[in-house]
N, C-alpha and C. Protein backbone atom coordinates (compact mmCIF):
# COMPACT_ATOMS: atom_id res chain seq x y z
N MET A 1 -1.51 -28.32 -2.84
CA MET A 1 -1.54 -27.10 -2.01
C MET A 1 -0.27 -26.28 -2.25
N LEU A 2 -0.45 -24.95 -2.33
CA LEU A 2 0.69 -24.09 -2.62
C LEU A 2 1.66 -24.10 -1.44
N ASN A 3 2.95 -24.25 -1.74
CA ASN A 3 3.98 -24.26 -0.71
C ASN A 3 4.47 -22.83 -0.49
N PHE A 4 4.30 -22.32 0.72
CA PHE A 4 4.70 -20.95 1.03
C PHE A 4 6.10 -20.88 1.63
N SER A 5 6.84 -21.97 1.58
CA SER A 5 8.19 -21.95 2.16
C SER A 5 9.08 -20.93 1.46
N GLY A 6 8.82 -20.66 0.20
CA GLY A 6 9.59 -19.67 -0.55
C GLY A 6 8.90 -18.33 -0.64
N ALA A 7 7.78 -18.18 0.05
CA ALA A 7 7.02 -16.93 -0.01
C ALA A 7 6.48 -16.55 1.37
N PRO A 8 7.36 -16.39 2.34
CA PRO A 8 6.88 -16.07 3.70
C PRO A 8 6.19 -14.73 3.80
N ALA A 9 6.63 -13.74 3.02
CA ALA A 9 6.00 -12.42 3.07
C ALA A 9 4.55 -12.51 2.60
N THR A 10 4.32 -13.24 1.53
CA THR A 10 2.96 -13.40 1.02
C THR A 10 2.08 -14.06 2.07
N LEU A 11 2.60 -15.10 2.72
CA LEU A 11 1.84 -15.80 3.74
C LEU A 11 1.52 -14.87 4.91
N ILE A 12 2.50 -14.10 5.37
CA ILE A 12 2.28 -13.18 6.48
C ILE A 12 1.21 -12.16 6.12
N LEU A 13 1.27 -11.61 4.92
CA LEU A 13 0.29 -10.61 4.50
C LEU A 13 -1.10 -11.19 4.38
N LEU A 14 -1.19 -12.41 3.88
CA LEU A 14 -2.49 -13.08 3.80
C LEU A 14 -3.09 -13.27 5.19
N ILE A 15 -2.28 -13.75 6.11
CA ILE A 15 -2.75 -14.01 7.48
C ILE A 15 -3.18 -12.71 8.16
N LEU A 16 -2.35 -11.67 8.04
CA LEU A 16 -2.68 -10.39 8.67
C LEU A 16 -3.97 -9.80 8.12
N ASN A 17 -4.11 -9.83 6.79
CA ASN A 17 -5.34 -9.30 6.19
C ASN A 17 -6.57 -10.06 6.66
N VAL A 18 -6.48 -11.36 6.68
CA VAL A 18 -7.63 -12.18 7.08
C VAL A 18 -7.96 -11.96 8.55
N LEU A 19 -6.97 -12.00 9.43
CA LEU A 19 -7.21 -11.86 10.86
C LEU A 19 -7.78 -10.49 11.20
N VAL A 20 -7.16 -9.44 10.69
CA VAL A 20 -7.62 -8.08 11.01
C VAL A 20 -9.01 -7.84 10.42
N SER A 21 -9.23 -8.26 9.18
CA SER A 21 -10.52 -8.03 8.54
C SER A 21 -11.64 -8.80 9.23
N LEU A 22 -11.40 -10.06 9.56
CA LEU A 22 -12.43 -10.85 10.24
C LEU A 22 -12.72 -10.30 11.63
N TYR A 23 -11.69 -9.86 12.33
CA TYR A 23 -11.90 -9.27 13.65
C TYR A 23 -12.77 -8.02 13.54
N ALA A 24 -12.46 -7.18 12.54
CA ALA A 24 -13.23 -5.96 12.36
C ALA A 24 -14.67 -6.25 11.94
N LEU A 25 -14.85 -7.22 11.07
CA LEU A 25 -16.18 -7.53 10.56
C LEU A 25 -17.09 -8.17 11.60
N PHE A 26 -16.51 -9.02 12.47
CA PHE A 26 -17.36 -9.81 13.36
C PHE A 26 -17.26 -9.44 14.84
N PHE A 27 -16.19 -8.75 15.23
CA PHE A 27 -16.00 -8.47 16.66
C PHE A 27 -15.91 -6.98 16.99
N ASP A 28 -15.41 -6.18 16.07
CA ASP A 28 -15.24 -4.75 16.34
C ASP A 28 -15.48 -3.95 15.07
N PRO A 29 -16.75 -3.80 14.65
CA PRO A 29 -17.06 -3.08 13.41
C PRO A 29 -16.53 -1.65 13.39
N GLY A 30 -16.38 -1.05 14.56
CA GLY A 30 -15.87 0.32 14.61
C GLY A 30 -14.43 0.43 14.13
N LEU A 31 -13.73 -0.69 14.12
CA LEU A 31 -12.34 -0.68 13.67
C LEU A 31 -12.24 -0.30 12.20
N VAL A 32 -13.26 -0.66 11.43
CA VAL A 32 -13.26 -0.33 10.00
C VAL A 32 -13.19 1.18 9.82
N ASP A 33 -14.00 1.91 10.59
CA ASP A 33 -13.99 3.37 10.49
C ASP A 33 -12.68 3.95 11.02
N ARG A 34 -12.17 3.39 12.10
CA ARG A 34 -10.94 3.92 12.70
C ARG A 34 -9.72 3.66 11.83
N PHE A 35 -9.76 2.60 11.03
CA PHE A 35 -8.63 2.24 10.17
C PHE A 35 -8.78 2.77 8.74
N SER A 36 -9.96 3.20 8.34
CA SER A 36 -10.23 3.51 6.94
C SER A 36 -9.42 4.71 6.45
N PHE A 37 -9.28 4.78 5.13
CA PHE A 37 -8.58 5.88 4.47
C PHE A 37 -9.54 7.04 4.31
N ARG A 38 -9.27 8.13 5.04
CA ARG A 38 -10.11 9.32 4.99
C ARG A 38 -9.22 10.55 4.84
N PRO A 39 -9.23 11.19 3.68
CA PRO A 39 -8.35 12.34 3.45
C PRO A 39 -8.45 13.42 4.51
N ARG A 40 -9.67 13.73 4.98
CA ARG A 40 -9.81 14.80 5.97
C ARG A 40 -9.06 14.46 7.25
N GLU A 41 -9.23 13.23 7.75
CA GLU A 41 -8.56 12.84 8.99
C GLU A 41 -7.04 12.78 8.82
N ILE A 42 -6.60 12.40 7.62
CA ILE A 42 -5.16 12.32 7.37
C ILE A 42 -4.54 13.71 7.28
N LEU A 43 -5.17 14.60 6.52
CA LEU A 43 -4.59 15.91 6.29
C LEU A 43 -4.81 16.87 7.46
N GLN A 44 -6.02 16.87 8.01
CA GLN A 44 -6.32 17.79 9.10
C GLN A 44 -6.01 17.19 10.47
N GLY A 45 -6.31 15.92 10.62
CA GLY A 45 -6.08 15.27 11.91
C GLY A 45 -4.72 14.64 12.05
N LYS A 46 -3.94 14.66 10.95
CA LYS A 46 -2.58 14.08 10.93
C LYS A 46 -2.58 12.60 11.35
N GLN A 47 -3.62 11.88 10.95
CA GLN A 47 -3.72 10.45 11.25
C GLN A 47 -3.10 9.66 10.10
N TYR A 48 -1.79 9.77 10.00
CA TYR A 48 -1.08 9.20 8.86
C TYR A 48 -1.09 7.67 8.87
N TYR A 49 -1.35 7.08 10.02
CA TYR A 49 -1.40 5.62 10.10
C TYR A 49 -2.46 5.04 9.16
N ARG A 50 -3.47 5.84 8.82
CA ARG A 50 -4.54 5.36 7.94
C ARG A 50 -4.02 5.01 6.54
N LEU A 51 -2.89 5.56 6.15
CA LEU A 51 -2.31 5.24 4.85
C LEU A 51 -1.93 3.76 4.76
N ILE A 52 -1.69 3.13 5.91
CA ILE A 52 -1.36 1.70 5.95
C ILE A 52 -2.53 0.87 6.46
N THR A 53 -3.15 1.31 7.56
CA THR A 53 -4.19 0.47 8.19
C THR A 53 -5.40 0.25 7.30
N ALA A 54 -5.69 1.21 6.41
CA ALA A 54 -6.86 1.05 5.53
C ALA A 54 -6.75 -0.19 4.66
N GLY A 55 -5.52 -0.63 4.41
CA GLY A 55 -5.32 -1.80 3.56
C GLY A 55 -5.57 -3.13 4.25
N PHE A 56 -5.84 -3.10 5.55
CA PHE A 56 -6.02 -4.35 6.28
C PHE A 56 -7.45 -4.59 6.75
N VAL A 57 -8.37 -3.71 6.38
CA VAL A 57 -9.79 -3.92 6.67
C VAL A 57 -10.57 -3.91 5.36
N HIS A 58 -11.63 -4.69 5.33
CA HIS A 58 -12.41 -4.86 4.11
C HIS A 58 -13.89 -4.69 4.38
N ALA A 59 -14.64 -4.41 3.32
CA ALA A 59 -16.06 -4.09 3.46
C ALA A 59 -16.92 -5.33 3.71
N GLY A 60 -16.42 -6.49 3.38
CA GLY A 60 -17.18 -7.72 3.55
C GLY A 60 -16.34 -8.92 3.17
N LEU A 61 -16.92 -10.10 3.33
CA LEU A 61 -16.17 -11.33 3.03
C LEU A 61 -15.83 -11.42 1.55
N GLY A 62 -16.73 -10.98 0.66
CA GLY A 62 -16.45 -11.04 -0.76
C GLY A 62 -15.29 -10.14 -1.15
N HIS A 63 -15.28 -8.94 -0.59
CA HIS A 63 -14.19 -7.99 -0.83
C HIS A 63 -12.87 -8.57 -0.37
N LEU A 64 -12.86 -9.13 0.83
CA LEU A 64 -11.66 -9.75 1.39
C LEU A 64 -11.21 -10.94 0.54
N LEU A 65 -12.16 -11.79 0.18
CA LEU A 65 -11.84 -13.00 -0.58
C LEU A 65 -11.23 -12.67 -1.93
N PHE A 66 -11.79 -11.69 -2.63
CA PHE A 66 -11.28 -11.33 -3.95
C PHE A 66 -9.84 -10.84 -3.86
N ASN A 67 -9.57 -9.95 -2.91
CA ASN A 67 -8.21 -9.42 -2.79
C ASN A 67 -7.21 -10.50 -2.37
N MET A 68 -7.63 -11.38 -1.46
CA MET A 68 -6.70 -12.39 -0.96
C MET A 68 -6.45 -13.50 -1.99
N ILE A 69 -7.45 -13.85 -2.77
CA ILE A 69 -7.24 -14.82 -3.84
C ILE A 69 -6.24 -14.26 -4.85
N THR A 70 -6.39 -12.99 -5.17
CA THR A 70 -5.47 -12.34 -6.12
C THR A 70 -4.05 -12.35 -5.57
N LEU A 71 -3.90 -11.97 -4.29
CA LEU A 71 -2.58 -11.98 -3.67
C LEU A 71 -2.02 -13.40 -3.60
N PHE A 72 -2.88 -14.37 -3.33
CA PHE A 72 -2.48 -15.77 -3.23
C PHE A 72 -1.85 -16.27 -4.54
N PHE A 73 -2.42 -15.86 -5.67
CA PHE A 73 -1.94 -16.36 -6.96
C PHE A 73 -0.75 -15.57 -7.50
N PHE A 74 -0.70 -14.27 -7.24
CA PHE A 74 0.35 -13.45 -7.83
C PHE A 74 1.52 -13.17 -6.88
N GLY A 75 1.26 -13.18 -5.59
CA GLY A 75 2.29 -12.85 -4.61
C GLY A 75 3.51 -13.75 -4.64
N PRO A 76 3.35 -15.07 -4.58
CA PRO A 76 4.52 -15.95 -4.55
C PRO A 76 5.45 -15.79 -5.74
N THR A 77 4.90 -15.57 -6.93
CA THR A 77 5.75 -15.38 -8.11
C THR A 77 6.61 -14.14 -7.96
N MET A 78 6.00 -13.04 -7.53
CA MET A 78 6.76 -11.80 -7.39
C MET A 78 7.74 -11.87 -6.23
N GLU A 79 7.38 -12.58 -5.18
CA GLU A 79 8.32 -12.73 -4.07
C GLU A 79 9.53 -13.56 -4.48
N ALA A 80 9.30 -14.54 -5.35
CA ALA A 80 10.41 -15.35 -5.85
C ALA A 80 11.34 -14.52 -6.73
N VAL A 81 10.78 -13.58 -7.48
CA VAL A 81 11.57 -12.73 -8.36
C VAL A 81 12.36 -11.69 -7.57
N LEU A 82 11.69 -11.04 -6.62
CA LEU A 82 12.29 -9.91 -5.91
C LEU A 82 13.00 -10.29 -4.62
N GLY A 83 12.58 -11.39 -3.99
CA GLY A 83 13.07 -11.71 -2.66
C GLY A 83 12.09 -11.19 -1.62
N THR A 84 12.13 -11.77 -0.43
CA THR A 84 11.14 -11.46 0.59
C THR A 84 11.16 -10.00 1.03
N GLY A 85 12.33 -9.47 1.33
CA GLY A 85 12.42 -8.08 1.77
C GLY A 85 11.91 -7.11 0.73
N SER A 86 12.33 -7.30 -0.51
CA SER A 86 11.90 -6.41 -1.58
C SER A 86 10.41 -6.57 -1.89
N PHE A 87 9.88 -7.76 -1.64
CA PHE A 87 8.44 -7.95 -1.87
C PHE A 87 7.64 -7.14 -0.86
N PHE A 88 8.10 -7.10 0.38
CA PHE A 88 7.43 -6.25 1.37
C PHE A 88 7.45 -4.79 0.91
N ILE A 89 8.59 -4.36 0.37
CA ILE A 89 8.70 -2.98 -0.13
C ILE A 89 7.71 -2.76 -1.28
N LEU A 90 7.62 -3.74 -2.18
CA LEU A 90 6.67 -3.65 -3.29
C LEU A 90 5.24 -3.51 -2.78
N TYR A 91 4.88 -4.35 -1.83
CA TYR A 91 3.50 -4.39 -1.33
C TYR A 91 3.13 -3.08 -0.63
N PHE A 92 3.93 -2.70 0.36
CA PHE A 92 3.58 -1.50 1.13
C PHE A 92 3.86 -0.23 0.34
N GLY A 93 4.87 -0.26 -0.53
CA GLY A 93 5.12 0.88 -1.40
C GLY A 93 3.97 1.11 -2.36
N SER A 94 3.40 0.03 -2.89
CA SER A 94 2.25 0.15 -3.78
C SER A 94 1.04 0.70 -3.03
N GLU A 95 0.88 0.26 -1.79
CA GLU A 95 -0.24 0.78 -0.99
C GLU A 95 -0.07 2.28 -0.74
N LEU A 96 1.14 2.70 -0.41
CA LEU A 96 1.39 4.13 -0.19
C LEU A 96 1.20 4.93 -1.48
N ALA A 97 1.62 4.37 -2.60
CA ALA A 97 1.42 5.05 -3.88
C ALA A 97 -0.07 5.17 -4.19
N ALA A 98 -0.82 4.10 -3.90
CA ALA A 98 -2.26 4.10 -4.13
C ALA A 98 -2.93 5.18 -3.30
N HIS A 99 -2.60 5.22 -2.02
CA HIS A 99 -3.23 6.19 -1.14
C HIS A 99 -2.69 7.60 -1.37
N GLY A 100 -1.44 7.70 -1.81
CA GLY A 100 -0.89 9.01 -2.12
C GLY A 100 -1.62 9.67 -3.27
N LEU A 101 -1.86 8.92 -4.34
CA LEU A 101 -2.61 9.47 -5.48
C LEU A 101 -4.03 9.81 -5.07
N THR A 102 -4.66 8.92 -4.31
CA THR A 102 -6.03 9.15 -3.86
C THR A 102 -6.10 10.38 -2.96
N LEU A 103 -5.12 10.53 -2.09
CA LEU A 103 -5.09 11.68 -1.18
C LEU A 103 -5.02 12.98 -1.97
N TYR A 104 -4.21 12.99 -3.01
CA TYR A 104 -4.09 14.19 -3.84
C TYR A 104 -5.40 14.50 -4.57
N LEU A 105 -5.99 13.48 -5.15
CA LEU A 105 -7.19 13.69 -5.97
C LEU A 105 -8.43 13.96 -5.13
N GLN A 106 -8.47 13.40 -3.92
CA GLN A 106 -9.67 13.53 -3.07
C GLN A 106 -9.44 14.44 -1.86
N ARG A 107 -8.39 15.25 -1.92
CA ARG A 107 -8.03 16.07 -0.75
C ARG A 107 -9.12 17.05 -0.34
N ASP A 108 -9.98 17.44 -1.27
CA ASP A 108 -11.04 18.40 -0.96
C ASP A 108 -12.41 17.75 -0.82
N ASN A 109 -12.44 16.44 -0.75
CA ASN A 109 -13.70 15.71 -0.65
C ASN A 109 -13.87 15.18 0.78
N PRO A 110 -14.64 15.86 1.63
CA PRO A 110 -14.77 15.45 3.03
C PRO A 110 -15.53 14.15 3.22
N ARG A 111 -16.24 13.71 2.19
CA ARG A 111 -17.04 12.49 2.31
C ARG A 111 -16.29 11.22 1.89
N TYR A 112 -15.13 11.41 1.30
CA TYR A 112 -14.43 10.26 0.73
C TYR A 112 -13.89 9.34 1.82
N ALA A 113 -14.08 8.04 1.62
CA ALA A 113 -13.53 7.01 2.51
C ALA A 113 -13.30 5.76 1.69
N ALA A 114 -12.27 5.01 2.03
CA ALA A 114 -11.96 3.78 1.29
C ALA A 114 -11.26 2.80 2.21
N ILE A 115 -11.45 1.53 1.93
CA ILE A 115 -10.78 0.47 2.67
C ILE A 115 -10.42 -0.65 1.70
N GLY A 116 -9.53 -1.53 2.15
CA GLY A 116 -9.19 -2.70 1.36
C GLY A 116 -7.77 -2.69 0.84
N ALA A 117 -7.29 -3.88 0.51
CA ALA A 117 -5.91 -4.08 0.04
C ALA A 117 -5.76 -3.92 -1.46
N SER A 118 -6.79 -3.39 -2.13
CA SER A 118 -6.79 -3.34 -3.59
C SER A 118 -5.59 -2.59 -4.16
N GLY A 119 -5.20 -1.48 -3.53
CA GLY A 119 -4.08 -0.71 -4.05
C GLY A 119 -2.79 -1.49 -4.02
N ALA A 120 -2.51 -2.13 -2.87
CA ALA A 120 -1.30 -2.93 -2.74
C ALA A 120 -1.33 -4.12 -3.68
N VAL A 121 -2.47 -4.79 -3.76
CA VAL A 121 -2.61 -5.96 -4.62
C VAL A 121 -2.48 -5.56 -6.09
N SER A 122 -2.99 -4.39 -6.47
CA SER A 122 -2.83 -3.91 -7.84
C SER A 122 -1.36 -3.77 -8.20
N GLY A 123 -0.57 -3.28 -7.24
CA GLY A 123 0.87 -3.16 -7.47
C GLY A 123 1.52 -4.49 -7.73
N VAL A 124 1.10 -5.51 -6.98
CA VAL A 124 1.65 -6.85 -7.16
C VAL A 124 1.25 -7.42 -8.52
N VAL A 125 0.00 -7.22 -8.90
CA VAL A 125 -0.49 -7.73 -10.19
C VAL A 125 0.25 -7.08 -11.35
N PHE A 126 0.46 -5.77 -11.29
CA PHE A 126 1.14 -5.09 -12.39
C PHE A 126 2.63 -5.41 -12.41
N ALA A 127 3.21 -5.68 -11.25
CA ALA A 127 4.59 -6.15 -11.22
C ALA A 127 4.68 -7.50 -11.93
N PHE A 128 3.69 -8.35 -11.70
CA PHE A 128 3.63 -9.64 -12.37
C PHE A 128 3.53 -9.47 -13.88
N CYS A 129 2.78 -8.46 -14.32
CA CYS A 129 2.64 -8.21 -15.76
C CYS A 129 3.97 -7.87 -16.40
N LEU A 130 4.87 -7.23 -15.65
CA LEU A 130 6.20 -6.95 -16.18
C LEU A 130 7.01 -8.22 -16.35
N VAL A 131 6.85 -9.14 -15.43
CA VAL A 131 7.64 -10.37 -15.43
C VAL A 131 7.08 -11.39 -16.41
N ASN A 132 5.74 -11.49 -16.48
CA ASN A 132 5.08 -12.47 -17.35
C ASN A 132 3.97 -11.78 -18.15
N PRO A 133 4.34 -10.93 -19.12
CA PRO A 133 3.33 -10.12 -19.81
C PRO A 133 2.29 -10.90 -20.58
N PHE A 134 2.61 -12.12 -20.99
CA PHE A 134 1.64 -12.88 -21.78
C PHE A 134 1.06 -14.07 -21.02
N ALA A 135 1.31 -14.11 -19.72
CA ALA A 135 0.68 -15.16 -18.90
C ALA A 135 -0.83 -14.94 -18.89
N PRO A 136 -1.63 -16.00 -19.00
CA PRO A 136 -3.09 -15.82 -19.03
C PRO A 136 -3.64 -15.44 -17.65
N ILE A 137 -4.51 -14.46 -17.63
CA ILE A 137 -5.20 -14.05 -16.41
C ILE A 137 -6.67 -14.35 -16.58
N TYR A 138 -7.23 -15.03 -15.59
CA TYR A 138 -8.63 -15.47 -15.66
C TYR A 138 -9.49 -14.58 -14.76
N LEU A 139 -10.56 -14.04 -15.32
CA LEU A 139 -11.43 -13.13 -14.59
C LEU A 139 -12.76 -13.80 -14.28
N PHE A 140 -13.16 -13.71 -13.01
CA PHE A 140 -14.47 -14.20 -12.58
C PHE A 140 -14.71 -15.65 -13.04
N PHE A 141 -13.65 -16.44 -12.94
CA PHE A 141 -13.73 -17.87 -13.23
C PHE A 141 -14.10 -18.19 -14.68
N ILE A 142 -13.86 -17.21 -15.58
CA ILE A 142 -14.05 -17.47 -17.01
C ILE A 142 -12.92 -18.38 -17.48
N PRO A 143 -13.22 -19.47 -18.18
CA PRO A 143 -12.19 -20.45 -18.52
C PRO A 143 -11.16 -19.98 -19.54
N ILE A 144 -11.43 -18.86 -20.23
CA ILE A 144 -10.50 -18.35 -21.24
C ILE A 144 -9.71 -17.19 -20.64
N GLY A 145 -8.39 -17.34 -20.58
CA GLY A 145 -7.57 -16.30 -19.99
C GLY A 145 -7.20 -15.23 -21.01
N ILE A 146 -6.94 -14.01 -20.52
CA ILE A 146 -6.45 -12.95 -21.39
C ILE A 146 -5.01 -12.64 -21.00
N PRO A 147 -4.16 -12.24 -21.94
CA PRO A 147 -2.76 -11.95 -21.62
C PRO A 147 -2.66 -10.88 -20.53
N ALA A 148 -1.71 -11.04 -19.64
CA ALA A 148 -1.54 -10.13 -18.52
C ALA A 148 -1.40 -8.69 -18.98
N ILE A 149 -0.65 -8.46 -20.06
CA ILE A 149 -0.43 -7.10 -20.53
C ILE A 149 -1.72 -6.48 -21.06
N LEU A 150 -2.59 -7.27 -21.68
CA LEU A 150 -3.88 -6.76 -22.14
C LEU A 150 -4.78 -6.44 -20.95
N PHE A 151 -4.74 -7.31 -19.96
CA PHE A 151 -5.48 -7.07 -18.73
C PHE A 151 -5.05 -5.74 -18.11
N ALA A 152 -3.73 -5.49 -18.09
CA ALA A 152 -3.20 -4.27 -17.48
C ALA A 152 -3.73 -3.04 -18.20
N VAL A 153 -3.74 -3.07 -19.52
CA VAL A 153 -4.23 -1.93 -20.30
C VAL A 153 -5.72 -1.68 -20.03
N ILE A 154 -6.52 -2.73 -20.07
CA ILE A 154 -7.95 -2.61 -19.83
C ILE A 154 -8.21 -2.11 -18.41
N TYR A 155 -7.45 -2.63 -17.48
CA TYR A 155 -7.60 -2.27 -16.06
C TYR A 155 -7.35 -0.78 -15.85
N VAL A 156 -6.26 -0.28 -16.40
CA VAL A 156 -5.91 1.13 -16.22
C VAL A 156 -6.93 2.03 -16.91
N LEU A 157 -7.28 1.71 -18.16
CA LEU A 157 -8.24 2.55 -18.88
C LEU A 157 -9.59 2.57 -18.18
N GLY A 158 -10.02 1.40 -17.70
CA GLY A 158 -11.30 1.32 -16.99
C GLY A 158 -11.27 2.11 -15.70
N SER A 159 -10.17 2.03 -14.97
CA SER A 159 -10.07 2.76 -13.71
C SER A 159 -10.00 4.26 -13.94
N VAL A 160 -9.24 4.69 -14.95
CA VAL A 160 -9.14 6.12 -15.26
C VAL A 160 -10.51 6.67 -15.67
N TYR A 161 -11.23 5.92 -16.48
CA TYR A 161 -12.57 6.36 -16.90
C TYR A 161 -13.50 6.46 -15.69
N SER A 162 -13.43 5.46 -14.80
CA SER A 162 -14.29 5.47 -13.62
C SER A 162 -13.90 6.60 -12.67
N MET A 163 -12.61 6.92 -12.59
CA MET A 163 -12.16 8.05 -11.79
C MET A 163 -12.79 9.34 -12.29
N ARG A 164 -12.79 9.49 -13.61
CA ARG A 164 -13.36 10.72 -14.21
C ARG A 164 -14.84 10.83 -13.90
N ILE A 165 -15.57 9.73 -14.08
CA ILE A 165 -17.00 9.73 -13.79
C ILE A 165 -17.24 10.01 -12.32
N GLY A 166 -16.42 9.37 -11.45
CA GLY A 166 -16.58 9.56 -10.02
C GLY A 166 -16.35 10.99 -9.60
N ARG A 167 -15.35 11.65 -10.19
CA ARG A 167 -15.07 13.04 -9.84
C ARG A 167 -16.20 13.95 -10.31
N GLU A 168 -16.80 13.63 -11.45
CA GLU A 168 -17.93 14.42 -11.94
C GLU A 168 -19.15 14.26 -11.04
N GLN A 169 -19.32 13.05 -10.48
CA GLN A 169 -20.48 12.77 -9.63
C GLN A 169 -20.19 13.06 -8.16
N GLY A 170 -18.91 13.25 -7.83
CA GLY A 170 -18.55 13.52 -6.44
C GLY A 170 -18.64 12.31 -5.56
N ALA A 171 -18.45 11.11 -6.14
CA ALA A 171 -18.56 9.87 -5.36
C ALA A 171 -17.73 8.79 -6.00
N ASN A 172 -17.57 7.68 -5.28
CA ASN A 172 -16.89 6.51 -5.84
C ASN A 172 -17.87 5.76 -6.73
N VAL A 173 -17.45 5.38 -7.93
CA VAL A 173 -18.30 4.60 -8.81
C VAL A 173 -18.36 3.17 -8.28
N GLY A 174 -19.55 2.72 -7.92
CA GLY A 174 -19.69 1.38 -7.38
C GLY A 174 -18.97 1.19 -6.06
N ASN A 175 -18.71 2.31 -5.35
CA ASN A 175 -17.99 2.26 -4.07
C ASN A 175 -16.62 1.62 -4.21
N ILE A 176 -16.00 1.77 -5.37
CA ILE A 176 -14.68 1.20 -5.63
C ILE A 176 -13.66 2.33 -5.71
N ALA A 177 -12.52 2.15 -5.03
CA ALA A 177 -11.48 3.19 -5.00
C ALA A 177 -10.61 3.08 -6.25
N HIS A 178 -11.11 3.60 -7.37
CA HIS A 178 -10.40 3.47 -8.63
C HIS A 178 -9.07 4.22 -8.61
N GLU A 179 -9.00 5.35 -7.88
CA GLU A 179 -7.74 6.08 -7.77
C GLU A 179 -6.66 5.19 -7.15
N ALA A 180 -7.05 4.42 -6.16
CA ALA A 180 -6.10 3.53 -5.49
C ALA A 180 -5.61 2.45 -6.44
N HIS A 181 -6.48 1.97 -7.30
CA HIS A 181 -6.07 0.96 -8.28
C HIS A 181 -5.00 1.50 -9.21
N VAL A 182 -5.22 2.71 -9.71
CA VAL A 182 -4.26 3.32 -10.63
C VAL A 182 -2.96 3.64 -9.90
N GLY A 183 -3.06 4.25 -8.72
CA GLY A 183 -1.87 4.58 -7.95
C GLY A 183 -1.07 3.36 -7.57
N GLY A 184 -1.76 2.30 -7.15
CA GLY A 184 -1.07 1.05 -6.79
C GLY A 184 -0.39 0.42 -7.98
N ALA A 185 -1.06 0.45 -9.12
CA ALA A 185 -0.48 -0.12 -10.34
C ALA A 185 0.79 0.63 -10.75
N LEU A 186 0.72 1.96 -10.73
CA LEU A 186 1.90 2.76 -11.07
C LEU A 186 3.03 2.51 -10.08
N GLY A 187 2.67 2.47 -8.80
CA GLY A 187 3.68 2.21 -7.78
C GLY A 187 4.33 0.86 -7.94
N GLY A 188 3.52 -0.15 -8.27
CA GLY A 188 4.05 -1.50 -8.46
C GLY A 188 5.03 -1.59 -9.60
N VAL A 189 4.71 -0.92 -10.71
CA VAL A 189 5.60 -0.93 -11.88
C VAL A 189 6.91 -0.21 -11.57
N ILE A 190 6.81 0.99 -11.00
CA ILE A 190 8.01 1.78 -10.71
C ILE A 190 8.90 1.08 -9.69
N LEU A 191 8.30 0.57 -8.62
CA LEU A 191 9.09 -0.09 -7.58
C LEU A 191 9.76 -1.36 -8.10
N THR A 192 9.06 -2.11 -8.93
CA THR A 192 9.66 -3.34 -9.49
C THR A 192 10.88 -3.01 -10.32
N LEU A 193 10.78 -1.97 -11.14
CA LEU A 193 11.92 -1.58 -11.97
C LEU A 193 13.08 -1.05 -11.14
N LEU A 194 12.77 -0.40 -10.03
CA LEU A 194 13.83 0.08 -9.15
C LEU A 194 14.47 -1.05 -8.36
N LEU A 195 13.65 -1.98 -7.90
CA LEU A 195 14.15 -3.08 -7.08
C LEU A 195 14.88 -4.14 -7.90
N GLU A 196 14.43 -4.33 -9.15
CA GLU A 196 15.02 -5.36 -10.01
C GLU A 196 15.11 -4.82 -11.42
N PRO A 197 16.15 -4.00 -11.72
CA PRO A 197 16.26 -3.35 -13.05
C PRO A 197 16.28 -4.33 -14.21
N ALA A 198 16.72 -5.57 -13.97
CA ALA A 198 16.78 -6.55 -15.06
C ALA A 198 15.39 -6.89 -15.60
N VAL A 199 14.35 -6.54 -14.86
CA VAL A 199 12.99 -6.83 -15.32
C VAL A 199 12.66 -6.04 -16.59
N LEU A 200 13.20 -4.82 -16.72
CA LEU A 200 12.87 -4.00 -17.89
C LEU A 200 13.35 -4.62 -19.19
N PRO A 201 14.65 -4.99 -19.33
CA PRO A 201 15.05 -5.63 -20.59
C PRO A 201 14.32 -6.94 -20.82
N HIS A 202 14.02 -7.66 -19.74
CA HIS A 202 13.25 -8.91 -19.87
C HIS A 202 11.86 -8.62 -20.46
N PHE A 203 11.21 -7.60 -19.92
CA PHE A 203 9.88 -7.22 -20.40
C PHE A 203 9.90 -6.80 -21.86
N LEU A 204 10.88 -5.95 -22.21
CA LEU A 204 10.99 -5.49 -23.60
C LEU A 204 11.26 -6.64 -24.54
N ASN A 205 12.08 -7.58 -24.11
CA ASN A 205 12.35 -8.77 -24.93
C ASN A 205 11.08 -9.60 -25.12
N GLU A 206 10.31 -9.73 -24.05
CA GLU A 206 9.09 -10.53 -24.10
C GLU A 206 8.07 -9.95 -25.08
N ILE A 207 8.01 -8.61 -25.15
CA ILE A 207 7.01 -8.00 -26.05
C ILE A 207 7.58 -7.70 -27.44
N GLY A 208 8.83 -8.11 -27.66
CA GLY A 208 9.39 -8.04 -29.00
C GLY A 208 10.19 -6.81 -29.32
N PHE A 209 10.65 -6.07 -28.33
CA PHE A 209 11.50 -4.88 -28.58
C PHE A 209 12.97 -5.22 -28.39
């Protein structure tokens, strides 16, 4: 069993996500709507709290499980590298970056809504890619891992392509907030380099520069 004694921030975030999401799913479904990321309510209604609360509610158990498993595996490593306080900054900063980009791109779309910790978790995953660019990442329980840096490239290209298709169709592709994925990833990379500048020469050395 993973020891969280060195990763209290990761444990706190896991617990908060699970408790809030389960409460919303089984006891107060209206909380999902009240917490969700909605550009119109944020810009016109000045409900800025949605930039954070949207990350703590999920569309279903599968959505919650996927995000929390990802945080479970990548969070402790990044918390060990950055420290607990800086890891909180990475997590919430990535979420704000994710929602900031989405807010800009979807500011004129009154139907847009999104929930889930994907933006914040994307930031953590991409921060991990800086620290361990060739660590194997396993997708959907496939036994063959792909290097973290290759995963990052595929992830960004796929999200950017889906963003383009979604904007042309005026909807989320597969109901997935691809803008948040890209924004969170960019936020995670930038914040990691700001919080721990030594990561950049380490990364360049790892990839052979």
